Amino acid sequence: TETQLMRDTFGIPPRKMVPASFFCEVPEVNTNESTTPGFEPRIGFTTIGTFHHPPNVDSAGWLAHEVWPLIRERLPEATMRVYGSYPTPAIHALHSP
């Protein structure tokens, strides 16, 4: 899981990691690693950032035009959600339900 990766690879203390509640299916925050789903059953991707920061605008465009087509070739059912404040017209133009 992400928690294990951050702890074991990058040395982040578990007390500093709390899953964002909007990723959890239950109202309570789940900190029990044994019940956190692994990578295999997941089908969605999410990225979060403010679009006041120009590199985030650039990276969202790169993700949409360069990376996402490659992911969809291998995972056709995958979804992508991009969340952020102050979206620019370029960001709005990326929306394709």
Protein backbone atom coordinates (compact mmCIF):
# COMPACT_ATOMS: atom_id res chain seq x y z
CA THR A 1 0.00 0.00 0.00
CA GLU A 2 1.02 3.64 -0.20
CA THR A 3 1.47 3.74 3.57
CA GLN A 4 3.95 0.86 3.45
CA LEU A 5 5.80 2.42 0.51
CA MET A 6 6.15 5.77 2.25
CA ARG A 7 7.21 4.13 5.54
CA ASP A 8 9.57 1.49 4.18
CA THR A 9 11.08 3.27 1.17
CA PHE A 10 11.09 6.91 2.25
CA GLY A 11 11.20 6.57 6.05
CA ILE A 12 8.05 8.64 6.70
CA PRO A 13 6.78 7.98 10.24
CA PRO A 14 3.27 6.43 10.24
CA ARG A 15 2.06 9.14 12.66
CA LYS A 16 2.55 11.69 9.85
CA MET A 17 0.42 9.75 7.35
CA VAL A 18 -3.36 9.90 7.40
CA PRO A 19 -5.42 8.78 4.43
CA ALA A 20 -7.56 11.57 2.97
CA SER A 21 -11.15 10.88 3.99
CA PHE A 22 -12.53 11.33 0.49
CA PHE A 23 -10.60 8.25 -0.63
CA CYS A 24 -12.17 6.05 2.06
CA GLU A 25 -15.44 4.22 1.56
CA VAL A 26 -16.37 4.55 5.23
CA PRO A 27 -16.75 7.83 7.13
CA GLU A 28 -13.95 6.92 9.55
CA VAL A 29 -10.34 7.22 8.48
CA ASN A 30 -8.90 3.74 8.04
CA THR A 31 -5.41 3.40 9.49
CA ASN A 32 -5.44 -0.41 9.62
CA GLU A 33 -3.07 -1.46 6.83
CA SER A 34 -4.45 -5.01 6.77
CA THR A 35 -7.83 -3.74 5.51
CA THR A 36 -6.46 -1.17 3.06
CA PRO A 37 -6.88 -2.52 -0.49
CA GLY A 38 -3.72 -3.33 -2.40
CA PHE A 39 -2.93 -1.97 -5.86
CA GLU A 40 -4.52 -4.78 -7.92
CA PRO A 41 -8.22 -4.01 -7.31
CA ARG A 42 -7.84 -0.28 -7.91
CA ILE A 43 -8.96 1.28 -11.19
CA GLY A 44 -8.77 5.01 -10.55
CA PHE A 45 -6.10 7.67 -10.38
CA THR A 46 -6.31 11.04 -8.64
CA THR A 47 -4.09 14.09 -8.56
CA ILE A 48 -4.56 17.21 -6.44
CA GLY A 49 -2.96 20.62 -6.71
CA THR A 50 -3.60 24.32 -7.10
CA PHE A 51 -3.58 25.74 -10.60
CA HIS A 52 -2.20 29.05 -9.33
CA HIS A 53 1.12 27.19 -9.63
CA PRO A 54 1.94 27.16 -13.41
CA PRO A 55 3.91 23.87 -13.28
CA ASN A 56 0.71 22.15 -12.10
CA VAL A 57 -1.12 23.43 -15.19
CA ASP A 58 1.72 22.14 -17.37
CA SER A 59 1.80 18.77 -15.63
CA ALA A 60 -1.97 18.29 -15.96
CA GLY A 61 -1.68 18.87 -19.70
CA TRP A 62 1.27 16.48 -19.95
CA LEU A 63 -0.65 13.89 -17.94
CA ALA A 64 -3.73 14.21 -20.16
CA HIS A 65 -1.94 14.21 -23.51
CA GLU A 66 1.16 12.07 -22.98
CA VAL A 67 0.74 9.78 -19.98
CA TRP A 68 -2.98 9.07 -19.81
CA PRO A 69 -3.23 7.54 -23.33
CA LEU A 70 -0.49 5.07 -22.37
CA ILE A 71 -2.28 4.13 -19.16
CA ARG A 72 -5.59 3.67 -20.98
CA GLU A 73 -3.95 1.32 -23.49
CA ARG A 74 -3.14 -1.05 -20.64
CA LEU A 75 -6.03 -0.22 -18.30
CA PRO A 76 -9.03 0.72 -20.49
CA GLU A 77 -11.42 0.87 -17.51
CA ALA A 78 -9.20 3.21 -15.49
CA THR A 79 -10.45 6.63 -14.47
CA MET A 80 -8.58 9.86 -13.76
CA ARG A 81 -9.70 12.65 -11.47
CA VAL A 82 -7.82 15.95 -11.35
CA TYR A 83 -8.76 18.21 -8.46
CA GLY A 84 -7.48 21.69 -7.81
CA SER A 85 -8.34 25.26 -7.06
CA TYR A 86 -8.27 28.07 -9.61
CA PRO A 87 -8.50 25.95 -12.77
CA THR A 88 -7.41 27.81 -15.88
CA PRO A 89 -9.22 27.66 -19.24
CA ALA A 90 -6.56 25.12 -20.32
CA ILE A 91 -7.52 22.89 -17.39
CA HIS A 92 -11.24 23.22 -18.14
CA ALA A 93 -10.50 22.22 -21.74
CA LEU A 94 -9.07 18.89 -20.51
CA HIS A 95 -12.46 17.78 -19.16
CA SER A 96 -13.86 14.91 -21.20
CA PRO A 97 -16.39 12.74 -19.38
